Amino acid sequence: MSRASFSACIFLALLVVGGGILGLTGPAVSAPSQDEQEARAILLEIDDLWRATSSQGMVRMEVKTVNYTRTMRMEIWSKGKDKSLVRIVSPLKEKDTASLKTGNTMYTYLPKTDRTIRLTSSMMMSSWMGSHFTNDDLVKESRLAEDYEPRISFKGKREGREIIEFTLQPHPNAAVVWGRIVMTVTTQGHLPLLATYYDEDNALARTIYFSEVKNMGGRLLPALLKVVPTDKPGEHTELVYESMRFDLDLPESLFSLLELRRR
């Protein structure tokens, strides 16, 4: 993986959903149905599940491919919906490599060369640190609650558990790569269980599993996220939340280029 493809912050409210766009001109838009309103409300709730007004935490990422297995630990911060920072703690080889997202701009700092790189939008779907997550996943560069329109496609009991299933279709002008996303959450608490991503040809591209629900920072959260690519049998990446704190008084200076370069 090239250095330029490394980026971003890791706030995995990774997949979520929501939204509809109310046109300001043109033909009148019909009011959303009760199911559509419910879907949008729940998906907006999930969208901020790991984020809140601000957050700080420690995360472990384990990557398994046909060629290698590797583990990294990192500290993560976020503030609002458009500021996030991640700094790798271990292994020593990647220690102090950091990424910053502020607004629509993203930077990566490479300590070995003391170099800061500004990432372009074309890099967002690249692999993050050789994992099966993309840069877009980990920085939430595209906010699914704004880019997709949700529809409740199933509500009831499945495999002994009460669930709600959403099917997400992208808005016509949304700058996204997924042709469709299907997400399953618990009816009670609206915790994500499963998300499947389909490409523009409607072929399954990957599946993300959510499990090991724990109380972290006063919130019930899935502590384990596992992404399994369809086209790479036997490979996966696991993201494990070791600790999380929410609604902290984080200074604006934390999300700056000066802080990004700090060892």
C-alpha atoms as a PDB file:
ATOM      1  CA  MET A   1       0.000   0.000   0.000  1.00  0.00           C
ATOM      2  CA  SER A   2       1.347   3.455  -0.866  1.00  0.00           C
ATOM      3  CA  ARG A   3       1.948   6.005   1.874  1.00  0.00           C
ATOM      4  CA  ALA A   4      -0.468   8.390   0.208  1.00  0.00           C
ATOM      5  CA  SER A   5      -3.331   5.945   0.649  1.00  0.00           C
ATOM      6  CA  PHE A   6      -3.050   6.069   4.449  1.00  0.00           C
ATOM      7  CA  SER A   7      -5.488   8.454   5.999  1.00  0.00           C
ATOM      8  CA  ALA A   8      -8.006   9.412   8.419  1.00  0.00           C
ATOM      9  CA  CYS A   9      -9.541   8.971  11.663  1.00  0.00           C
ATOM     10  CA  ILE A  10     -11.398   6.038  12.878  1.00  0.00           C
ATOM     11  CA  PHE A  11     -14.824   6.796  14.005  1.00  0.00           C
ATOM     12  CA  LEU A  12     -16.672   3.888  13.070  1.00  0.00           C
ATOM     13  CA  ALA A  13     -20.045   4.678  13.251  1.00  0.00           C
ATOM     14  CA  LEU A  14     -18.980   3.144  10.084  1.00  0.00           C
ATOM     15  CA  LEU A  15     -22.039   2.572   8.287  1.00  0.00           C
ATOM     16  CA  VAL A  16     -25.053   4.198   8.735  1.00  0.00           C
ATOM     17  CA  VAL A  17     -27.716   5.823   7.164  1.00  0.00           C
ATOM     18  CA  GLY A  18     -30.483   8.206   6.903  1.00  0.00           C
ATOM     19  CA  GLY A  19     -31.589  11.266   5.184  1.00  0.00           C
ATOM     20  CA  GLY A  20     -33.597  12.622   2.335  1.00  0.00           C
ATOM     21  CA  ILE A  21     -33.138  15.875   0.486  1.00  0.00           C
ATOM     22  CA  LEU A  22     -35.854  18.497   0.481  1.00  0.00           C
ATOM     23  CA  GLY A  23     -35.757  20.351  -2.823  1.00  0.00           C
ATOM     24  CA  LEU A  24     -35.802  24.119  -2.604  1.00  0.00           C
ATOM     25  CA  THR A  25     -37.048  24.546  -6.174  1.00  0.00           C
ATOM     26  CA  GLY A  26     -38.883  22.452  -8.741  1.00  0.00           C
ATOM     27  CA  PRO A  27     -41.855  20.149  -8.216  1.00  0.00           C
ATOM     28  CA  ALA A  28     -43.211  19.666  -4.725  1.00  0.00           C
ATOM     29  CA  VAL A  29     -41.802  16.704  -2.823  1.00  0.00           C
ATOM     30  CA  SER A  30     -44.297  14.406  -1.153  1.00  0.00           C
ATOM     31  CA  ALA A  31     -44.118  14.141   2.610  1.00  0.00           C
ATOM     32  CA  PRO A  32     -42.213  11.087   3.864  1.00  0.00           C
ATOM     33  CA  SER A  33     -44.284   8.185   5.153  1.00  0.00           C
ATOM     34  CA  GLN A  34     -44.279   7.172   8.799  1.00  0.00           C
ATOM     35  CA  ASP A  35     -41.875   4.309   8.018  1.00  0.00           C
ATOM     36  CA  GLU A  36     -39.537   6.683   6.201  1.00  0.00           C
ATOM     37  CA  GLN A  37     -39.565   9.098   9.116  1.00  0.00           C
ATOM     38  CA  GLU A  38     -38.858   6.264  11.538  1.00  0.00           C
ATOM     39  CA  ALA A  39     -36.022   4.958   9.373  1.00  0.00           C
ATOM     40  CA  ARG A  40     -34.436   8.378   9.098  1.00  0.00           C
ATOM     41  CA  ALA A  41     -34.669   9.046  12.844  1.00  0.00           C
ATOM     42  CA  ILE A  42     -33.119   5.707  13.794  1.00  0.00           C
ATOM     43  CA  LEU A  43     -30.356   5.946  11.244  1.00  0.00           C
ATOM     44  CA  LEU A  44     -29.408   9.448  12.336  1.00  0.00           C
ATOM     45  CA  GLU A  45     -29.254   8.081  15.868  1.00  0.00           C
ATOM     46  CA  ILE A  46     -26.901   5.291  14.766  1.00  0.00           C
ATOM     47  CA  ASP A  47     -24.839   7.708  12.702  1.00  0.00           C
ATOM     48  CA  ASP A  48     -23.659   9.415  15.891  1.00  0.00           C
ATOM     49  CA  LEU A  49     -23.518   6.299  18.052  1.00  0.00           C
ATOM     50  CA  TRP A  50     -19.724   6.321  18.423  1.00  0.00           C
ATOM     51  CA  ARG A  51     -19.289  10.073  18.107  1.00  0.00           C
ATOM     52  CA  ALA A  52     -21.594  12.178  20.360  1.00  0.00           C
ATOM     53  CA  THR A  53     -20.603  15.853  20.621  1.00  0.00           C
ATOM     54  CA  SER A  54     -17.004  14.747  21.125  1.00  0.00           C
ATOM     55  CA  SER A  55     -15.145  11.544  21.922  1.00  0.00           C
ATOM     56  CA  GLN A  56     -11.801   9.970  22.777  1.00  0.00           C
ATOM     57  CA  GLY A  57     -10.832   6.331  22.812  1.00  0.00           C
ATOM     58  CA  MET A  58      -8.372   3.516  22.214  1.00  0.00           C
ATOM     59  CA  VAL A  59      -8.915   1.093  19.336  1.00  0.00           C
ATOM     60  CA  ARG A  60      -7.159  -2.092  18.229  1.00  0.00           C
ATOM     61  CA  MET A  61      -7.225  -3.175  14.599  1.00  0.00           C
ATOM     62  CA  GLU A  62      -6.370  -6.723  13.520  1.00  0.00           C
ATOM     63  CA  VAL A  63      -5.905  -7.452   9.815  1.00  0.00           C
ATOM     64  CA  LYS A  64      -5.811 -10.955   8.346  1.00  0.00           C
ATOM     65  CA  THR A  65      -4.939 -11.505   4.685  1.00  0.00           C
ATOM     66  CA  VAL A  66      -3.590 -14.462   2.705  1.00  0.00           C
ATOM     67  CA  ASN A  67      -0.104 -12.944   3.014  1.00  0.00           C
ATOM     68  CA  TYR A  68       0.088 -11.592   6.570  1.00  0.00           C
ATOM     69  CA  THR A  69      -1.596 -10.915   9.896  1.00  0.00           C
ATOM     70  CA  ARG A  70      -0.944  -7.647  11.710  1.00  0.00           C
ATOM     71  CA  THR A  71      -2.231  -5.724  14.729  1.00  0.00           C
ATOM     72  CA  MET A  72      -2.211  -1.983  15.402  1.00  0.00           C
ATOM     73  CA  ARG A  73      -3.392   0.132  18.338  1.00  0.00           C
ATOM     74  CA  MET A  74      -4.382   3.772  18.004  1.00  0.00           C
ATOM     75  CA  GLU A  75      -5.817   6.649  19.982  1.00  0.00           C
ATOM     76  CA  ILE A  76      -8.732   8.493  18.423  1.00  0.00           C
ATOM     77  CA  TRP A  77     -10.502  11.821  18.994  1.00  0.00           C
ATOM     78  CA  SER A  78     -13.509  13.521  17.412  1.00  0.00           C
ATOM     79  CA  LYS A  79     -15.401  16.776  17.859  1.00  0.00           C
ATOM     80  CA  GLY A  80     -18.683  17.529  16.188  1.00  0.00           C
ATOM     81  CA  LYS A  81     -19.326  15.952  12.800  1.00  0.00           C
ATOM     82  CA  ASP A  82     -16.317  17.261  10.895  1.00  0.00           C
ATOM     83  CA  LYS A  83     -13.235  17.071  13.132  1.00  0.00           C
ATOM     84  CA  SER A  84     -11.349  13.871  13.888  1.00  0.00           C
ATOM     85  CA  LEU A  85      -7.793  12.788  14.655  1.00  0.00           C
ATOM     86  CA  VAL A  86      -6.144   9.379  14.900  1.00  0.00           C
ATOM     87  CA  ARG A  87      -2.628   8.627  16.095  1.00  0.00           C
ATOM     88  CA  ILE A  88      -1.035   5.170  15.920  1.00  0.00           C
ATOM     89  CA  VAL A  89       0.430   3.995  19.223  1.00  0.00           C
ATOM     90  CA  SER A  90       1.880   0.657  18.135  1.00  0.00           C
ATOM     91  CA  PRO A  91       3.647  -1.148  16.538  1.00  0.00           C
ATOM     92  CA  LEU A  92       6.845   0.872  16.694  1.00  0.00           C
ATOM     93  CA  LYS A  93       7.170   0.870  12.902  1.00  0.00           C
ATOM     94  CA  GLU A  94       4.018   2.992  12.493  1.00  0.00           C
ATOM     95  CA  LYS A  95       4.118   4.809  15.861  1.00  0.00           C
ATOM     96  CA  ASP A  96       3.137   8.514  15.666  1.00  0.00           C
ATOM     97  CA  THR A  97       1.748   8.201  12.145  1.00  0.00           C
ATOM     98  CA  ALA A  98      -1.359  10.363  12.363  1.00  0.00           C
ATOM     99  CA  SER A  99      -4.298  11.566  10.302  1.00  0.00           C
ATOM    100  CA  LEU A 100      -6.470  14.636  10.672  1.00  0.00           C
ATOM    101  CA  LYS A 101      -9.848  15.442   9.174  1.00  0.00           C
ATOM    102  CA  THR A 102     -11.240  18.933   9.521  1.00  0.00           C
ATOM    103  CA  GLY A 103     -14.220  19.913   7.419  1.00  0.00           C
ATOM    104  CA  ASN A 104     -13.770  18.390   3.963  1.00  0.00           C
ATOM    105  CA  THR A 105      -9.976  18.395   4.167  1.00  0.00           C
ATOM    106  CA  MET A 106      -7.830  15.469   5.265  1.00  0.00           C
ATOM    107  CA  TYR A 107      -4.139  15.214   6.077  1.00  0.00           C
ATOM    108  CA  THR A 108      -1.733  12.415   6.977  1.00  0.00           C
ATOM    109  CA  TYR A 109       1.519  12.877   8.856  1.00  0.00           C
ATOM    110  CA  LEU A 110       4.409  10.442   8.213  1.00  0.00           C
ATOM    111  CA  PRO A 111       6.956  10.763  11.048  1.00  0.00           C
ATOM    112  CA  LYS A 112       9.724   8.801   9.310  1.00  0.00           C
ATOM    113  CA  THR A 113      10.005  11.448   6.622  1.00  0.00           C
ATOM    114  CA  ASP A 114       8.547  14.304   8.710  1.00  0.00           C
ATOM    115  CA  ARG A 115       6.086  14.854   5.874  1.00  0.00           C
ATOM    116  CA  THR A 116       2.449  15.961   5.832  1.00  0.00           C
ATOM    117  CA  ILE A 117       0.257  14.843   2.910  1.00  0.00           C
ATOM    118  CA  ARG A 118      -3.094  16.315   1.958  1.00  0.00           C
ATOM    119  CA  LEU A 119      -5.345  13.546   0.644  1.00  0.00           C
ATOM    120  CA  THR A 120      -7.515  13.896  -2.423  1.00  0.00           C
ATOM    121  CA  SER A 121     -11.074  12.649  -2.828  1.00  0.00           C
ATOM    122  CA  SER A 122      -9.853   9.921  -5.189  1.00  0.00           C
ATOM    123  CA  MET A 123      -7.963   8.296  -2.296  1.00  0.00           C
ATOM    124  CA  MET A 124     -11.010   7.875  -0.067  1.00  0.00           C
ATOM    125  CA  MET A 125     -11.930   4.383  -1.268  1.00  0.00           C
ATOM    126  CA  SER A 126      -8.362   3.096  -0.922  1.00  0.00           C
ATOM    127  CA  SER A 127      -7.487   0.564   1.761  1.00  0.00           C
ATOM    128  CA  TRP A 128      -6.660   2.055   5.158  1.00  0.00           C
ATOM    129  CA  MET A 129      -3.273   0.771   6.419  1.00  0.00           C
ATOM    130  CA  GLY A 130      -3.623  -2.441   4.418  1.00  0.00           C
ATOM    131  CA  SER A 131      -6.934  -3.309   6.079  1.00  0.00           C
ATOM    132  CA  HIS A 132     -10.316  -4.109   4.544  1.00  0.00           C
ATOM    133  CA  PHE A 133     -11.703  -0.777   5.725  1.00  0.00           C
ATOM    134  CA  THR A 134     -11.463   2.173   3.385  1.00  0.00           C
ATOM    135  CA  ASN A 135     -10.267   5.656   4.222  1.00  0.00           C
ATOM    136  CA  ASP A 136     -13.860   6.791   3.754  1.00  0.00           C
ATOM    137  CA  ASP A 137     -15.070   4.317   6.398  1.00  0.00           C
ATOM    138  CA  LEU A 138     -12.633   5.440   8.999  1.00  0.00           C
ATOM    139  CA  VAL A 139     -12.995   9.149   8.579  1.00  0.00           C
ATOM    140  CA  LYS A 140     -16.647   9.115   7.681  1.00  0.00           C
ATOM    141  CA  GLU A 141     -15.859  11.425   4.796  1.00  0.00           C
ATOM    142  CA  SER A 142     -19.237  10.644   3.336  1.00  0.00           C
ATOM    143  CA  ARG A 143     -21.982  10.826   5.938  1.00  0.00           C
ATOM    144  CA  LEU A 144     -24.442   8.133   4.990  1.00  0.00           C
ATOM    145  CA  ALA A 145     -27.300   9.841   6.778  1.00  0.00           C
ATOM    146  CA  GLU A 146     -27.015  12.638   4.233  1.00  0.00           C
ATOM    147  CA  ASP A 147     -26.115  10.674   1.085  1.00  0.00           C
ATOM    148  CA  TYR A 148     -28.634   7.825   1.222  1.00  0.00           C
ATOM    149  CA  GLU A 149     -32.379   7.514   1.532  1.00  0.00           C
ATOM    150  CA  PRO A 150     -33.509   4.747   3.899  1.00  0.00           C
ATOM    151  CA  ARG A 151     -36.502   2.455   3.554  1.00  0.00           C
ATOM    152  CA  ILE A 152     -37.569  -0.082   6.141  1.00  0.00           C
ATOM    153  CA  SER A 153     -37.466  -3.379   4.236  1.00  0.00           C
ATOM    154  CA  PHE A 154     -38.203  -5.732   7.162  1.00  0.00           C
ATOM    155  CA  LYS A 155     -39.432  -5.393  10.721  1.00  0.00           C
ATOM    156  CA  GLY A 156     -39.998  -8.378  12.981  1.00  0.00           C
ATOM    157  CA  LYS A 157     -38.311 -11.470  14.388  1.00  0.00           C
ATOM    158  CA  ARG A 158     -35.391 -13.082  12.580  1.00  0.00           C
ATOM    159  CA  GLU A 159     -33.255 -15.880  14.021  1.00  0.00           C
ATOM    160  CA  GLY A 160     -34.963 -15.391  17.381  1.00  0.00           C
ATOM    161  CA  ARG A 161     -34.234 -11.654  17.609  1.00  0.00           C
ATOM    162  CA  GLU A 162     -36.480  -8.634  17.021  1.00  0.00           C
ATOM    163  CA  ILE A 163     -34.837  -6.544  14.315  1.00  0.00           C
ATOM    164  CA  ILE A 164     -35.370  -3.699  11.862  1.00  0.00           C
ATOM    165  CA  GLU A 165     -33.782  -3.959   8.422  1.00  0.00           C
ATOM    166  CA  PHE A 166     -33.130  -0.889   6.273  1.00  0.00           C
ATOM    167  CA  THR A 167     -32.378  -0.724   2.589  1.00  0.00           C
ATOM    168  CA  LEU A 168     -30.440   2.383   1.605  1.00  0.00           C
ATOM    169  CA  GLN A 169     -30.471   3.840  -1.870  1.00  0.00           C
ATOM    170  CA  PRO A 170     -28.091   6.704  -2.721  1.00  0.00           C
ATOM    171  CA  HIS A 171     -29.499  10.052  -3.720  1.00  0.00           C
ATOM    172  CA  PRO A 172     -29.022  10.688  -7.462  1.00  0.00           C
ATOM    173  CA  ASN A 173     -26.362  13.365  -6.972  1.00  0.00           C
ATOM    174  CA  ALA A 174     -24.563  11.810  -3.983  1.00  0.00           C
ATOM    175  CA  ALA A 175     -20.825  11.312  -4.465  1.00  0.00           C
ATOM    176  CA  VAL A 176     -20.786   7.699  -3.234  1.00  0.00           C
ATOM    177  CA  VAL A 177     -19.591   4.381  -4.633  1.00  0.00           C
ATOM    178  CA  TRP A 178     -22.105   1.955  -3.127  1.00  0.00           C
ATOM    179  CA  GLY A 179     -25.125   1.102  -5.209  1.00  0.00           C
ATOM    180  CA  ARG A 180     -27.061  -0.141  -2.178  1.00  0.00           C
ATOM    181  CA  ILE A 181     -26.535  -0.776   1.530  1.00  0.00           C
ATOM    182  CA  VAL A 182     -28.666  -3.058   3.690  1.00  0.00           C
ATOM    183  CA  MET A 183     -28.350  -2.636   7.445  1.00  0.00           C
ATOM    184  CA  THR A 184     -29.897  -4.587  10.298  1.00  0.00           C
ATOM    185  CA  VAL A 185     -30.330  -3.150  13.810  1.00  0.00           C
ATOM    186  CA  THR A 186     -31.957  -4.361  16.993  1.00  0.00           C
ATOM    187  CA  THR A 187     -35.518  -3.178  17.576  1.00  0.00           C
ATOM    188  CA  GLN A 188     -34.641  -2.477  21.203  1.00  0.00           C
ATOM    189  CA  GLY A 189     -31.901   0.138  21.457  1.00  0.00           C
ATOM    190  CA  HIS A 190     -31.272   0.355  17.691  1.00  0.00           C
ATOM    191  CA  LEU A 191     -27.832  -1.213  17.881  1.00  0.00           C
ATOM    192  CA  PRO A 192     -26.304  -2.262  14.541  1.00  0.00           C
ATOM    193  CA  LEU A 193     -25.933  -6.008  13.911  1.00  0.00           C
ATOM    194  CA  LEU A 194     -25.052  -6.376  10.256  1.00  0.00           C
ATOM    195  CA  ALA A 195     -24.412  -4.245   7.187  1.00  0.00           C
ATOM    196  CA  THR A 196     -24.049  -5.483   3.613  1.00  0.00           C
ATOM    197  CA  TYR A 197     -22.630  -3.297   0.845  1.00  0.00           C
ATOM    198  CA  TYR A 198     -23.429  -3.740  -2.839  1.00  0.00           C
ATOM    199  CA  ASP A 199     -21.587  -2.235  -5.783  1.00  0.00           C
ATOM    200  CA  GLU A 200     -23.160  -0.347  -8.679  1.00  0.00           C
ATOM    201  CA  ASP A 201     -23.913  -3.668 -10.402  1.00  0.00           C
ATOM    202  CA  ASN A 202     -25.828  -4.822  -7.294  1.00  0.00           C
ATOM    203  CA  ALA A 203     -23.188  -7.454  -6.463  1.00  0.00           C
ATOM    204  CA  LEU A 204     -22.332  -8.009  -2.788  1.00  0.00           C
ATOM    205  CA  ALA A 205     -18.961  -6.361  -2.115  1.00  0.00           C
ATOM    206  CA  ARG A 206     -18.507  -6.786   1.634  1.00  0.00           C
ATOM    207  CA  THR A 207     -20.246  -7.532   4.922  1.00  0.00           C
ATOM    208  CA  ILE A 208     -19.646  -5.862   8.282  1.00  0.00           C
ATOM    209  CA  TYR A 209     -20.645  -7.653  11.494  1.00  0.00           C
ATOM    210  CA  PHE A 210     -21.203  -5.838  14.821  1.00  0.00           C
ATOM    211  CA  SER A 211     -20.937  -7.749  18.108  1.00  0.00           C
ATOM    212  CA  GLU A 212     -19.774  -7.792  21.750  1.00  0.00           C
ATOM    213  CA  VAL A 213     -22.041  -5.031  23.028  1.00  0.00           C
ATOM    214  CA  LYS A 214     -20.513  -3.279  26.050  1.00  0.00           C
ATOM    215  CA  ASN A 215     -21.124  -0.213  28.196  1.00  0.00           C
ATOM    216  CA  MET A 216     -18.442   2.233  27.098  1.00  0.00           C
ATOM    217  CA  GLY A 217     -18.451   5.811  28.343  1.00  0.00           C
ATOM    218  CA  GLY A 218     -22.027   5.437  29.545  1.00  0.00           C
ATOM    219  CA  ARG A 219     -23.276   4.098  26.179  1.00  0.00           C
ATOM    220  CA  LEU A 220     -24.112   0.594  25.022  1.00  0.00           C
ATOM    221  CA  LEU A 221     -21.986   0.000  21.909  1.00  0.00           C
ATOM    222  CA  PRO A 222     -20.848  -2.910  19.768  1.00  0.00           C
ATOM    223  CA  ALA A 223     -17.185  -3.160  20.757  1.00  0.00           C
ATOM    224  CA  LEU A 224     -16.220  -5.397  17.810  1.00  0.00           C
ATOM    225  CA  LEU A 225     -16.640  -4.631  14.116  1.00  0.00           C
ATOM    226  CA  LYS A 226     -15.559  -7.223  11.562  1.00  0.00           C
ATOM    227  CA  VAL A 227     -15.440  -6.514   7.835  1.00  0.00           C
ATOM    228  CA  VAL A 228     -15.356  -9.452   5.419  1.00  0.00           C
ATOM    229  CA  PRO A 229     -14.698  -8.754   1.716  1.00  0.00           C
ATOM    230  CA  THR A 230     -16.658 -10.904  -0.723  1.00  0.00           C
ATOM    231  CA  ASP A 231     -13.852 -11.200  -3.271  1.00  0.00           C
ATOM    232  CA  LYS A 232     -11.143 -12.265  -0.779  1.00  0.00           C
ATOM    233  CA  PRO A 233     -12.148 -15.549   0.879  1.00  0.00           C
ATOM    234  CA  GLY A 234     -10.545 -16.143   4.256  1.00  0.00           C
ATOM    235  CA  GLU A 235      -9.582 -12.495   4.770  1.00  0.00           C
ATOM    236  CA  HIS A 236     -11.057 -10.015   7.250  1.00  0.00           C
ATOM    237  CA  THR A 237     -10.321  -7.017   9.448  1.00  0.00           C
ATOM    238  CA  GLU A 238     -11.492  -6.628  13.038  1.00  0.00           C
ATOM    239  CA  LEU A 239     -11.800  -3.291  14.804  1.00  0.00           C
ATOM    240  CA  VAL A 240     -11.956  -3.593  18.599  1.00  0.00           C
ATOM    241  CA  TYR A 241     -12.903  -0.638  20.792  1.00  0.00           C
ATOM    242  CA  GLU A 242     -10.904  -0.978  24.007  1.00  0.00           C
ATOM    243  CA  SER A 243     -12.209   2.209  25.656  1.00  0.00           C
ATOM    244  CA  MET A 244     -14.361   5.217  24.757  1.00  0.00           C
ATOM    245  CA  ARG A 245     -15.288   8.496  26.470  1.00  0.00           C
ATOM    246  CA  PHE A 246     -17.881  10.966  25.213  1.00  0.00           C
ATOM    247  CA  ASP A 247     -18.906  14.622  25.458  1.00  0.00           C
ATOM    248  CA  LEU A 248     -15.468  15.864  26.506  1.00  0.00           C
ATOM    249  CA  ASP A 249     -14.248  19.454  26.463  1.00  0.00           C
ATOM    250  CA  LEU A 250     -11.709  19.020  23.655  1.00  0.00           C
ATOM    251  CA  PRO A 251      -9.827  22.154  22.523  1.00  0.00           C
ATOM    252  CA  GLU A 252     -10.045  23.268  18.886  1.00  0.00           C
ATOM    253  CA  SER A 253      -6.223  23.250  18.783  1.00  0.00           C
ATOM    254  CA  LEU A 254      -6.274  19.450  19.039  1.00  0.00           C
ATOM    255  CA  PHE A 255      -7.536  19.314  15.449  1.00  0.00           C
ATOM    256  CA  SER A 256      -4.749  21.336  13.864  1.00  0.00           C
ATOM    257  CA  LEU A 257      -1.742  20.651  11.632  1.00  0.00           C
ATOM    258  CA  LEU A 258       0.527  21.524  14.552  1.00  0.00           C
ATOM    259  CA  GLU A 259      -1.056  18.807  16.675  1.00  0.00           C
ATOM    260  CA  LEU A 260      -1.026  16.379  13.745  1.00  0.00           C
ATOM    261  CA  ARG A 261       2.784  16.609  13.610  1.00  0.00           C
ATOM    262  CA  ARG A 262       3.282  16.278  17.355  1.00  0.00           C
ATOM    263  CA  ARG A 263       5.320  13.218  18.391  1.00  0.00           C
END
